[in-house]
C-alpha atoms as a PDB file:
ATOM      1  CA  MET A   1      30.836   4.435 -26.252  1.00  0.00           C
ATOM      2  CA  THR A   2      31.543   5.603 -29.326  1.00  0.00           C
ATOM      3  CA  PRO A   3      30.838   8.802 -31.083  1.00  0.00           C
ATOM      4  CA  ASN A   4      28.974   7.004 -33.703  1.00  0.00           C
ATOM      5  CA  ALA A   5      26.925   4.969 -30.835  1.00  0.00           C
ATOM      6  CA  ARG A   6      26.131   8.306 -28.798  1.00  0.00           C
ATOM      7  CA  LEU A   7      24.734  10.260 -32.104  1.00  0.00           C
ATOM      8  CA  LEU A   8      22.482   6.775 -32.767  1.00  0.00           C
ATOM      9  CA  ALA A   9      21.078   6.653 -29.685  1.00  0.00           C
ATOM     10  CA  SER A  10      20.252  10.272 -29.363  1.00  0.00           C
ATOM     11  CA  LEU A  11      18.752   9.656 -32.954  1.00  0.00           C
ATOM     12  CA  VAL A  12      16.995   7.149 -31.877  1.00  0.00           C
ATOM     13  CA  LEU A  13      15.751   9.035 -28.425  1.00  0.00           C
ATOM     14  CA  LEU A  14      14.723  11.682 -30.569  1.00  0.00           C
ATOM     15  CA  LEU A  15      12.811   9.784 -32.537  1.00  0.00           C
ATOM     16  CA  THR A  16      10.903   7.906 -30.134  1.00  0.00           C
ATOM     17  CA  VAL A  17       9.925  11.560 -28.478  1.00  0.00           C
ATOM     18  CA  ALA A  18       9.065  12.553 -31.875  1.00  0.00           C
ATOM     19  CA  ALA A  19       6.596   9.620 -32.749  1.00  0.00           C
ATOM     20  CA  LEU A  20       4.886  10.037 -28.863  1.00  0.00           C
ATOM     21  CA  ALA A  21       4.821  13.955 -29.450  1.00  0.00           C
ATOM     22  CA  ALA A  22       2.763  13.186 -32.809  1.00  0.00           C
ATOM     23  CA  CYS A  23       0.467  10.559 -31.668  1.00  0.00           C
ATOM     24  CA  GLY A  24      -1.178  12.453 -28.933  1.00  0.00           C
ATOM     25  CA  PHE A  25       0.531  10.496 -25.923  1.00  0.00           C
ATOM     26  CA  LYS A  26       0.656  12.698 -22.318  1.00  0.00           C
ATOM     27  CA  PRO A  27       1.551  11.553 -19.503  1.00  0.00           C
ATOM     28  CA  ARG A  28      -1.566  11.656 -17.056  1.00  0.00           C
ATOM     29  CA  GLN A  29      -2.216  14.004 -14.652  1.00  0.00           C
ATOM     30  CA  SER A  30      -2.935  13.646 -11.573  1.00  0.00           C
ATOM     31  CA  ALA A  31      -5.600  15.435 -10.375  1.00  0.00           C
ATOM     32  CA  GLY A  32      -4.102  18.188  -8.012  1.00  0.00           C
ATOM     33  CA  PHE A  33      -7.298  20.642  -5.998  1.00  0.00           C
ATOM     34  CA  GLY A  34      -4.686  22.388  -3.890  1.00  0.00           C
ATOM     35  CA  PRO A  35      -5.864  24.912  -1.925  1.00  0.00           C
ATOM     36  CA  SER A  36      -8.491  26.115  -4.302  1.00  0.00           C
ATOM     37  CA  LEU A  37     -11.308  23.670  -3.317  1.00  0.00           C
ATOM     38  CA  GLY A  38      -9.750  23.896  -0.014  1.00  0.00           C
ATOM     39  CA  PRO A  39     -10.773  21.315   2.674  1.00  0.00           C
ATOM     40  CA  VAL A  40     -13.176  18.742   1.089  1.00  0.00           C
ATOM     41  CA  GLN A  41     -15.154  16.076   4.153  1.00  0.00           C
ATOM     42  CA  VAL A  42     -16.445  12.786   2.459  1.00  0.00           C
ATOM     43  CA  SER A  43     -19.432  11.667   3.815  1.00  0.00           C
ATOM     44  CA  GLY A  44     -22.971   9.642   2.726  1.00  0.00           C
ATOM     45  CA  ALA A  45     -23.705   6.232   2.364  1.00  0.00           C
ATOM     46  CA  ALA A  46     -20.207   4.943   1.569  1.00  0.00           C
ATOM     47  CA  GLU A  47     -19.123   6.281   5.770  1.00  0.00           C
ATOM     48  CA  GLY A  48     -16.163   4.277   6.894  1.00  0.00           C
ATOM     49  CA  SER A  49     -16.517   1.797   3.771  1.00  0.00           C
ATOM     50  CA  PRO A  50     -13.374   1.411   1.485  1.00  0.00           C
ATOM     51  CA  LEU A  51     -14.204   3.749  -0.788  1.00  0.00           C
ATOM     52  CA  ALA A  52     -15.140   6.578   1.438  1.00  0.00           C
ATOM     53  CA  ASP A  53     -11.075   5.881   2.663  1.00  0.00           C
ATOM     54  CA  GLY A  54      -9.225   5.820  -0.334  1.00  0.00           C
ATOM     55  CA  LEU A  55     -11.365   9.353  -1.868  1.00  0.00           C
ATOM     56  CA  ARG A  56      -9.997  11.109   1.626  1.00  0.00           C
ATOM     57  CA  ARG A  57      -6.141   9.446   1.015  1.00  0.00           C
ATOM     58  CA  ALA A  58      -6.950  10.564  -2.760  1.00  0.00           C
ATOM     59  CA  LEU A  59      -8.035  13.672  -1.928  1.00  0.00           C
ATOM     60  CA  ASP A  60      -5.202  14.124   0.395  1.00  0.00           C
ATOM     61  CA  ARG A  61      -2.560  13.596  -2.179  1.00  0.00           C
ATOM     62  CA  ALA A  62      -4.128  16.064  -4.186  1.00  0.00           C
ATOM     63  CA  GLY A  63      -3.617  18.950  -2.190  1.00  0.00           C
ATOM     64  CA  SER A  64      -7.088  19.216  -0.473  1.00  0.00           C
ATOM     65  CA  VAL A  65      -6.313  19.023   3.852  1.00  0.00           C
ATOM     66  CA  ALA A  66      -9.079  17.153   6.001  1.00  0.00           C
ATOM     67  CA  PRO A  67     -11.406  19.276   7.689  1.00  0.00           C
ATOM     68  CA  ALA A  68     -10.789  19.909  11.133  1.00  0.00           C
ATOM     69  CA  GLU A  69     -13.569  19.848  13.635  1.00  0.00           C
ATOM     70  CA  GLY A  70     -16.310  22.416  13.210  1.00  0.00           C
ATOM     71  CA  GLN A  71     -14.010  23.972   9.889  1.00  0.00           C
ATOM     72  CA  PRO A  72     -16.235  24.868   7.010  1.00  0.00           C
ATOM     73  CA  SER A  73     -15.660  22.603   4.007  1.00  0.00           C
ATOM     74  CA  ALA A  74     -16.509  21.681   0.773  1.00  0.00           C
ATOM     75  CA  ARG A  75     -18.451  18.519   0.898  1.00  0.00           C
ATOM     76  CA  LEU A  76     -18.259  15.384  -1.497  1.00  0.00           C
ATOM     77  CA  ARG A  77     -21.491  13.404  -0.722  1.00  0.00           C
ATOM     78  CA  ILE A  78     -21.493   9.669  -1.394  1.00  0.00           C
ATOM     79  CA  LEU A  79     -25.366   9.122  -2.127  1.00  0.00           C
ATOM     80  CA  ALA A  80     -25.121   5.622  -3.801  1.00  0.00           C
ATOM     81  CA  ASP A  81     -22.440   3.012  -3.573  1.00  0.00           C
ATOM     82  CA  ARG A  82     -23.738  -0.456  -4.864  1.00  0.00           C
ATOM     83  CA  PHE A  83     -22.066  -4.197  -6.397  1.00  0.00           C
ATOM     84  CA  GLY A  84     -24.152  -6.185  -8.544  1.00  0.00           C
ATOM     85  CA  GLU A  85     -23.147  -9.065  -9.943  1.00  0.00           C
ATOM     86  CA  GLY A  86     -24.446 -11.843 -12.214  1.00  0.00           C
ATOM     87  CA  PRO A  87     -23.996 -14.072 -15.500  1.00  0.00           C
ATOM     88  CA  VAL A  88     -23.217 -12.707 -18.438  1.00  0.00           C
ATOM     89  CA  SER A  89     -23.368 -16.493 -20.714  1.00  0.00           C
ATOM     90  CA  VAL A  90     -24.192 -20.516 -20.005  1.00  0.00           C
ATOM     91  CA  ASP A  91     -22.866 -22.907 -22.101  1.00  0.00           C
ATOM     92  CA  ARG A  92     -25.288 -25.495 -23.895  1.00  0.00           C
ATOM     93  CA  PHE A  93     -25.781 -27.558 -20.435  1.00  0.00           C
ATOM     94  CA  ALA A  94     -26.972 -23.808 -18.935  1.00  0.00           C
ATOM     95  CA  ARG A  95     -24.212 -23.783 -16.485  1.00  0.00           C
ATOM     96  CA  ILE A  96     -21.801 -20.791 -15.917  1.00  0.00           C
ATOM     97  CA  ARG A  97     -19.293 -19.785 -17.994  1.00  0.00           C
ATOM     98  CA  GLU A  98     -18.769 -15.949 -17.774  1.00  0.00           C
ATOM     99  CA  TYR A  99     -19.747 -13.470 -14.901  1.00  0.00           C
ATOM    100  CA  GLN A 100     -20.177  -9.889 -14.323  1.00  0.00           C
ATOM    101  CA  THR A 101     -19.596  -7.511 -11.506  1.00  0.00           C
ATOM    102  CA  ARG A 102     -20.994  -4.271 -11.649  1.00  0.00           C
ATOM    103  CA  TYR A 103     -20.086  -1.118  -9.365  1.00  0.00           C
ATOM    104  CA  THR A 104     -22.009   1.826  -9.061  1.00  0.00           C
ATOM    105  CA  VAL A 105     -21.503   5.121  -7.063  1.00  0.00           C
ATOM    106  CA  ASP A 106     -23.416   8.222  -7.229  1.00  0.00           C
ATOM    107  CA  PHE A 107     -21.856  11.241  -6.079  1.00  0.00           C
ATOM    108  CA  GLN A 108     -21.968  15.184  -5.995  1.00  0.00           C
ATOM    109  CA  LEU A 109     -19.507  17.589  -4.965  1.00  0.00           C
ATOM    110  CA  THR A 110     -20.075  20.944  -3.219  1.00  0.00           C
ATOM    111  CA  ALA A 111     -18.663  24.241  -2.186  1.00  0.00           C
ATOM    112  CA  GLN A 112     -18.188  25.146   1.544  1.00  0.00           C
ATOM    113  CA  ASP A 113     -20.873  28.392   0.765  1.00  0.00           C
ATOM    114  CA  GLY A 114     -23.240  25.167  -0.547  1.00  0.00           C
ATOM    115  CA  GLN A 115     -23.079  25.597  -4.445  1.00  0.00           C
ATOM    116  CA  VAL A 116     -22.843  23.190  -6.515  1.00  0.00           C
ATOM    117  CA  LEU A 117     -19.420  22.055  -7.856  1.00  0.00           C
ATOM    118  CA  VAL A 118     -20.206  18.874  -9.427  1.00  0.00           C
ATOM    119  CA  PRO A 119     -23.980  18.102  -9.834  1.00  0.00           C
ATOM    120  CA  ARG A 120     -25.478  14.539  -8.937  1.00  0.00           C
ATOM    121  CA  GLN A 121     -23.266  11.998 -11.406  1.00  0.00           C
ATOM    122  CA  THR A 122     -23.066   8.500 -11.654  1.00  0.00           C
ATOM    123  CA  VAL A 123     -19.997   6.015 -12.317  1.00  0.00           C
ATOM    124  CA  GLU A 124     -20.633   2.439 -13.412  1.00  0.00           C
ATOM    125  CA  LEU A 125     -17.259   0.290 -13.352  1.00  0.00           C
ATOM    126  CA  VAL A 126     -17.974  -3.417 -14.874  1.00  0.00           C
ATOM    127  CA  ARG A 127     -15.557  -6.285 -14.429  1.00  0.00           C
ATOM    128  CA  GLU A 128     -16.261  -9.212 -16.489  1.00  0.00           C
ATOM    129  CA  TYR A 129     -14.765 -12.894 -15.841  1.00  0.00           C
ATOM    130  CA  SER A 130     -14.687 -16.496 -16.450  1.00  0.00           C
ATOM    131  CA  TYR A 131     -16.276 -18.814 -13.839  1.00  0.00           C
ATOM    132  CA  ASP A 132     -15.485 -22.868 -13.767  1.00  0.00           C
ATOM    133  CA  ALA A 133     -18.219 -24.559 -12.024  1.00  0.00           C
ATOM    134  CA  THR A 134     -15.648 -27.514 -11.453  1.00  0.00           C
ATOM    135  CA  ARG A 135     -13.646 -25.296  -9.605  1.00  0.00           C
ATOM    136  CA  ALA A 136     -16.547 -22.786  -8.227  1.00  0.00           C
ATOM    137  CA  ALA A 137     -14.460 -23.367  -4.498  1.00  0.00           C
ATOM    138  CA  GLY A 138     -12.240 -20.417  -5.065  1.00  0.00           C
ATOM    139  CA  SER A 139     -14.924 -17.913  -7.259  1.00  0.00           C
ATOM    140  CA  GLY A 140     -15.684 -16.097  -3.189  1.00  0.00           C
ATOM    141  CA  GLU A 141     -12.266 -15.264  -3.068  1.00  0.00           C
ATOM    142  CA  GLU A 142     -12.004 -13.918  -6.752  1.00  0.00           C
ATOM    143  CA  GLN A 143     -15.613 -12.150  -6.843  1.00  0.00           C
ATOM    144  CA  GLU A 144     -13.870 -10.635  -3.207  1.00  0.00           C
ATOM    145  CA  VAL A 145     -10.527  -9.798  -5.531  1.00  0.00           C
ATOM    146  CA  VAL A 146     -12.604  -8.043  -8.544  1.00  0.00           C
ATOM    147  CA  ARG A 147     -14.452  -6.192  -5.484  1.00  0.00           C
ATOM    148  CA  GLU A 148     -11.342  -4.640  -4.193  1.00  0.00           C
ATOM    149  CA  GLU A 149      -9.815  -4.167  -8.048  1.00  0.00           C
ATOM    150  CA  LEU A 150     -13.329  -2.096  -8.543  1.00  0.00           C
ATOM    151  CA  GLN A 151     -13.490   0.181  -4.953  1.00  0.00           C
ATOM    152  CA  ARG A 152      -9.540   1.198  -6.137  1.00  0.00           C
ATOM    153  CA  GLU A 153     -10.675   1.660  -9.791  1.00  0.00           C
ATOM    154  CA  MET A 154     -13.597   4.360  -8.876  1.00  0.00           C
ATOM    155  CA  VAL A 155     -11.604   5.796  -6.703  1.00  0.00           C
ATOM    156  CA  SER A 156      -9.333   7.466  -9.764  1.00  0.00           C
ATOM    157  CA  ALA A 157     -12.795   7.622 -11.588  1.00  0.00           C
ATOM    158  CA  ILE A 158     -14.471  10.188  -9.535  1.00  0.00           C
ATOM    159  CA  LEU A 159     -11.740  12.128  -8.870  1.00  0.00           C
ATOM    160  CA  ARG A 160     -11.297  12.428 -12.321  1.00  0.00           C
ATOM    161  CA  ARG A 161     -14.407  13.468 -12.507  1.00  0.00           C
ATOM    162  CA  ILE A 162     -14.140  16.053  -9.968  1.00  0.00           C
ATOM    163  CA  ASP A 163     -10.764  17.324 -11.540  1.00  0.00           C
ATOM    164  CA  ALA A 164     -12.266  17.474 -15.195  1.00  0.00           C
ATOM    165  CA  ALA A 165     -15.672  19.551 -13.859  1.00  0.00           C
ATOM    166  CA  LEU A 166     -13.300  22.197 -11.926  1.00  0.00           C
ATOM    167  CA  ARG A 167     -10.824  22.697 -14.943  1.00  0.00           C
END
């Protein structure tokens, strides 16, 4: 590589970094609760669900260890965990054209001593997708994929809310 090419590449890199910094871009930080929160127990309506399992794994990655049996711990309570589906739009023949899946979770976080760290909050995620009545055979599988995606996204949304409340 010639010195001019190196200089040009360095200049392009510098301008790119400056442009990203000027627009306010910064990488999203992962939630890191660490030892300040201590062990967290996930309990409530979603016990044994993919949401509860995902929350446990995500909390573990964020530095919050799972509590040992009988150990005092903070408690992330899933108060409600519900899906709703329905049509969004219909065509002139009253056939469904767009469908919507809505996922709503209510949660609350309390400390080891019972102090409410994050009061009851509701997080709602919505996905809309096209529905073709002529190819309805695959719609059940599509709904299942949408539900799984919403559950994964819900884990991140809840952790972001907790992280923001604890800062």
